[in-house]
């Protein structure tokens, strides 16, 4: 949780709001990889890419 607080403080102090969509997309891709790695949904996720 400290990492998220530090990240939010950095974004707020440096006015780097353009990083929020980048972080969101990276998190979304990470979740897709974790879900698609060992489940029956994997073939459907792989067809997206």
PDB file of N, CA and C in Angstrom:
ATOM      1  N   UNK A   1       0.816  -1.190   0.000  1.00  0.00           N
ATOM      2  CA  UNK A   1       0.000   0.000   0.000  1.00  0.00           C
ATOM      3  C   UNK A   1       0.867   1.264   0.000  1.00  0.00           C
ATOM      4  N   UNK A   2       2.041   1.173   0.578  1.00  0.00           N
ATOM      5  CA  UNK A   2       2.943   2.324   0.581  1.00  0.00           C
ATOM      6  C   UNK A   2       3.353   2.715  -0.838  1.00  0.00           C
ATOM      7  N   UNK A   3       3.509   1.695  -1.689  1.00  0.00           N
ATOM      8  CA  UNK A   3       3.889   1.976  -3.074  1.00  0.00           C
ATOM      9  C   UNK A   3       2.826   2.819  -3.770  1.00  0.00           C
ATOM     10  N   UNK A   4       1.563   2.477  -3.551  1.00  0.00           N
ATOM     11  CA  UNK A   4       0.482   3.240  -4.182  1.00  0.00           C
ATOM     12  C   UNK A   4       0.419   4.668  -3.653  1.00  0.00           C
ATOM     13  N   UNK A   5       0.664   4.837  -2.348  1.00  0.00           N
ATOM     14  CA  UNK A   5       0.689   6.182  -1.773  1.00  0.00           C
ATOM     15  C   UNK A   5       1.837   6.999  -2.355  1.00  0.00           C
ATOM     16  N   UNK A   6       2.997   6.370  -2.484  1.00  0.00           N
ATOM     17  CA  UNK A   6       4.151   7.062  -3.065  1.00  0.00           C
ATOM     18  C   UNK A   6       3.896   7.416  -4.532  1.00  0.00           C
ATOM     19  N   UNK A   7       3.302   6.482  -5.261  1.00  0.00           N
ATOM     20  CA  UNK A   7       3.004   6.737  -6.668  1.00  0.00           C
ATOM     21  C   UNK A   7       2.008   7.883  -6.809  1.00  0.00           C
ATOM     22  N   UNK A   8       0.975   7.884  -5.988  1.00  0.00           N
ATOM     23  CA  UNK A   8      -0.018   8.968  -6.031  1.00  0.00           C
ATOM     24  C   UNK A   8       0.625  10.311  -5.661  1.00  0.00           C
ATOM     25  N   UNK A   9       1.493  10.300  -4.651  1.00  0.00           N
ATOM     26  CA  UNK A   9       2.192  11.526  -4.269  1.00  0.00           C
ATOM     27  C   UNK A   9       3.079  12.049  -5.382  1.00  0.00           C
ATOM     28  N   UNK A  10       3.754  11.132  -6.078  1.00  0.00           N
ATOM     29  CA  UNK A  10       4.596  11.527  -7.202  1.00  0.00           C
ATOM     30  C   UNK A  10       3.761  12.148  -8.319  1.00  0.00           C
ATOM     31  N   UNK A  11       2.650  11.484  -8.667  1.00  0.00           N
ATOM     32  CA  UNK A  11       1.803  11.998  -9.739  1.00  0.00           C
ATOM     33  C   UNK A  11       1.233  13.364  -9.389  1.00  0.00           C
ATOM     34  N   UNK A  12       0.859  13.539  -8.130  1.00  0.00           N
ATOM     35  CA  UNK A  12       0.271  14.802  -7.702  1.00  0.00           C
ATOM     36  C   UNK A  12       1.310  15.927  -7.648  1.00  0.00           C
ATOM     37  N   UNK A  13       2.494  15.613  -7.140  1.00  0.00           N
ATOM     38  CA  UNK A  13       3.524  16.641  -6.976  1.00  0.00           C
ATOM     39  C   UNK A  13       4.125  17.063  -8.315  1.00  0.00           C
ATOM     40  N   UNK A  14       4.347  16.111  -9.194  1.00  0.00           N
ATOM     41  CA  UNK A  14       5.007  16.405 -10.470  1.00  0.00           C
ATOM     42  C   UNK A  14       4.040  16.715 -11.602  1.00  0.00           C
ATOM     43  N   UNK A  15       2.745  16.608 -11.326  1.00  0.00           N
ATOM     44  CA  UNK A  15       1.708  16.867 -12.344  1.00  0.00           C
ATOM     45  C   UNK A  15       1.892  15.974 -13.575  1.00  0.00           C
ATOM     46  N   UNK A  16       2.117  14.700 -13.330  1.00  0.00           N
ATOM     47  CA  UNK A  16       2.298  13.718 -14.407  1.00  0.00           C
ATOM     48  C   UNK A  16       1.018  12.915 -14.610  1.00  0.00           C
ATOM     49  N   UNK A  17      -0.078  13.603 -14.862  1.00  0.00           N
ATOM     50  CA  UNK A  17      -1.369  12.929 -14.972  1.00  0.00           C
ATOM     51  C   UNK A  17      -1.463  12.044 -16.197  1.00  0.00           C
ATOM     52  N   UNK A  18      -0.600  12.250 -17.188  1.00  0.00           N
ATOM     53  CA  UNK A  18      -0.627  11.428 -18.383  1.00  0.00           C
ATOM     54  C   UNK A  18      -0.162  10.004 -18.094  1.00  0.00           C
ATOM     55  N   UNK A  19       0.465   9.784 -16.943  1.00  0.00           N
ATOM     56  CA  UNK A  19       0.917   8.435 -16.600  1.00  0.00           C
ATOM     57  C   UNK A  19      -0.226   7.530 -16.132  1.00  0.00           C
ATOM     58  N   UNK A  20      -1.330   8.103 -15.685  1.00  0.00           N
ATOM     59  CA  UNK A  20      -2.438   7.289 -15.183  1.00  0.00           C
ATOM     60  C   UNK A  20      -2.980   6.307 -16.221  1.00  0.00           C
ATOM     61  N   UNK A  21      -3.249   6.719 -17.464  1.00  0.00           N
ATOM     62  CA  UNK A  21      -3.725   5.733 -18.447  1.00  0.00           C
ATOM     63  C   UNK A  21      -2.687   4.657 -18.756  1.00  0.00           C
ATOM     64  N   UNK A  22      -1.417   5.027 -18.750  1.00  0.00           N
ATOM     65  CA  UNK A  22      -0.352   4.056 -19.016  1.00  0.00           C
ATOM     66  C   UNK A  22      -0.332   2.997 -17.916  1.00  0.00           C
ATOM     67  N   UNK A  23      -0.415   3.432 -16.673  1.00  0.00           N
ATOM     68  CA  UNK A  23      -0.419   2.507 -15.541  1.00  0.00           C
ATOM     69  C   UNK A  23      -1.650   1.619 -15.589  1.00  0.00           C
ATOM     70  N   UNK A  24      -2.798   2.201 -15.927  1.00  0.00           N
ATOM     71  CA  UNK A  24      -4.034   1.435 -16.009  1.00  0.00           C
ATOM     72  C   UNK A  24      -3.947   0.345 -17.079  1.00  0.00           C
ATOM     73  N   UNK A  25      -3.418   0.671 -18.244  1.00  0.00           N
ATOM     74  CA  UNK A  25      -3.297  -0.311 -19.326  1.00  0.00           C
ATOM     75  C   UNK A  25      -2.319  -1.419 -18.937  1.00  0.00           C
ATOM     76  N   UNK A  26      -1.218  -1.068 -18.298  1.00  0.00           N
ATOM     77  CA  UNK A  26      -0.263  -2.086 -17.855  1.00  0.00           C
ATOM     78  C   UNK A  26      -0.883  -3.018 -16.825  1.00  0.00           C
ATOM     79  N   UNK A  27      -1.645  -2.478 -15.897  1.00  0.00           N
ATOM     80  CA  UNK A  27      -2.332  -3.318 -14.919  1.00  0.00           C
ATOM     81  C   UNK A  27      -3.353  -4.229 -15.587  1.00  0.00           C
ATOM     82  N   UNK A  28      -4.078  -3.703 -16.544  1.00  0.00           N
ATOM     83  CA  UNK A  28      -5.068  -4.505 -17.262  1.00  0.00           C
ATOM     84  C   UNK A  28      -4.410  -5.648 -18.028  1.00  0.00           C
ATOM     85  N   UNK A  29      -3.309  -5.382 -18.689  1.00  0.00           N
ATOM     86  CA  UNK A  29      -2.589  -6.440 -19.392  1.00  0.00           C
ATOM     87  C   UNK A  29      -2.035  -7.480 -18.430  1.00  0.00           C
ATOM     88  N   UNK A  30      -1.562  -7.043 -17.280  1.00  0.00           N
ATOM     89  CA  UNK A  30      -1.072  -7.979 -16.272  1.00  0.00           C
ATOM     90  C   UNK A  30      -2.167  -8.889 -15.760  1.00  0.00           C
ATOM     91  N   UNK A  31      -3.345  -8.324 -15.530  1.00  0.00           N
ATOM     92  CA  UNK A  31      -4.478  -9.130 -15.077  1.00  0.00           C
ATOM     93  C   UNK A  31      -4.887 -10.125 -16.156  1.00  0.00           C
ATOM     94  N   UNK A  32      -4.901  -9.704 -17.407  1.00  0.00           N
ATOM     95  CA  UNK A  32      -5.225 -10.625 -18.499  1.00  0.00           C
ATOM     96  C   UNK A  32      -4.224 -11.766 -18.593  1.00  0.00           C
ATOM     97  N   UNK A  33      -2.956 -11.473 -18.390  1.00  0.00           N
ATOM     98  CA  UNK A  33      -1.945 -12.529 -18.438  1.00  0.00           C
ATOM     99  C   UNK A  33      -2.097 -13.516 -17.291  1.00  0.00           C
ATOM    100  N   UNK A  34      -2.414 -13.007 -16.116  1.00  0.00           N
ATOM    101  CA  UNK A  34      -2.584 -13.894 -14.959  1.00  0.00           C
ATOM    102  C   UNK A  34      -3.820 -14.765 -15.138  1.00  0.00           C
ATOM    103  N   UNK A  35      -4.913 -14.172 -15.575  1.00  0.00           N
ATOM    104  CA  UNK A  35      -6.145 -14.933 -15.766  1.00  0.00           C
ATOM    105  C   UNK A  35      -5.989 -15.926 -16.924  1.00  0.00           C
ATOM    106  N   UNK A  36      -5.368 -15.477 -17.991  1.00  0.00           N
ATOM    107  CA  UNK A  36      -5.247 -16.319 -19.180  1.00  0.00           C
ATOM    108  C   UNK A  36      -4.173 -17.372 -19.080  1.00  0.00           C
ATOM    109  N   UNK A  37      -3.330 -17.295 -18.094  1.00  0.00           N
ATOM    110  CA  UNK A  37      -2.226 -18.238 -17.979  1.00  0.00           C
ATOM    111  C   UNK A  37      -2.643 -19.647 -17.617  1.00  0.00           C
ATOM    112  N   UNK A  38      -3.606 -19.799 -16.769  1.00  0.00           N
ATOM    113  CA  UNK A  38      -3.941 -21.145 -16.329  1.00  0.00           C
ATOM    114  C   UNK A  38      -5.420 -21.404 -16.210  1.00  0.00           C
ATOM    115  N   UNK A  39      -6.184 -20.942 -17.145  1.00  0.00           N
ATOM    116  CA  UNK A  39      -7.621 -21.162 -17.049  1.00  0.00           C
ATOM    117  C   UNK A  39      -8.165 -21.625 -18.392  1.00  0.00           C
ATOM    118  N   UNK A  40      -9.429 -21.980 -18.391  1.00  0.00           N
ATOM    119  CA  UNK A  40     -10.088 -22.401 -19.624  1.00  0.00           C
ATOM    120  C   UNK A  40     -10.414 -21.218 -20.523  1.00  0.00           C
ATOM    121  N   UNK A  41     -10.249 -20.011 -20.014  1.00  0.00           N
ATOM    122  CA  UNK A  41     -10.538 -18.800 -20.794  1.00  0.00           C
ATOM    123  C   UNK A  41      -9.354 -18.430 -21.673  1.00  0.00           C
ATOM    124  N   UNK A  42      -8.206 -19.062 -21.457  1.00  0.00           N
ATOM    125  CA  UNK A  42      -6.969 -18.704 -22.169  1.00  0.00           C
ATOM    126  C   UNK A  42      -7.124 -18.673 -23.678  1.00  0.00           C
ATOM    127  N   UNK A  43      -7.734 -19.666 -24.336  1.00  0.00           N
ATOM    128  CA  UNK A  43      -7.832 -19.590 -25.806  1.00  0.00           C
ATOM    129  C   UNK A  43      -8.616 -18.368 -26.286  1.00  0.00           C
ATOM    130  N   UNK A  44      -9.595 -17.918 -25.524  1.00  0.00           N
ATOM    131  CA  UNK A  44     -10.374 -16.766 -25.935  1.00  0.00           C
ATOM    132  C   UNK A  44      -9.596 -15.469 -25.746  1.00  0.00           C
ATOM    133  N   UNK A  45      -8.768 -15.412 -24.720  1.00  0.00           N
ATOM    134  CA  UNK A  45      -7.958 -14.216 -24.483  1.00  0.00           C
ATOM    135  C   UNK A  45      -6.854 -14.126 -25.537  1.00  0.00           C
ATOM    136  N   UNK A  46      -6.279 -15.268 -25.907  1.00  0.00           N
ATOM    137  CA  UNK A  46      -5.193 -15.247 -26.894  1.00  0.00           C
ATOM    138  C   UNK A  46      -5.685 -14.814 -28.269  1.00  0.00           C
ATOM    139  N   UNK A  47      -6.968 -15.031 -28.568  1.00  0.00           N
ATOM    140  CA  UNK A  47      -7.475 -14.596 -29.866  1.00  0.00           C
ATOM    141  C   UNK A  47      -7.601 -13.078 -29.943  1.00  0.00           C
ATOM    142  N   UNK A  48      -7.635 -12.397 -28.798  1.00  0.00           N
ATOM    143  CA  UNK A  48      -7.686 -10.939 -28.823  1.00  0.00           C
ATOM    144  C   UNK A  48      -6.398 -10.328 -29.333  1.00  0.00           C
ATOM    145  N   UNK A  49      -5.305 -11.016 -29.124  1.00  0.00           N
ATOM    146  CA  UNK A  49      -4.007 -10.500 -29.533  1.00  0.00           C
ATOM    147  C   UNK A  49      -3.533 -11.253 -30.721  1.00  0.00           C
TER     148      UNK A  49
END
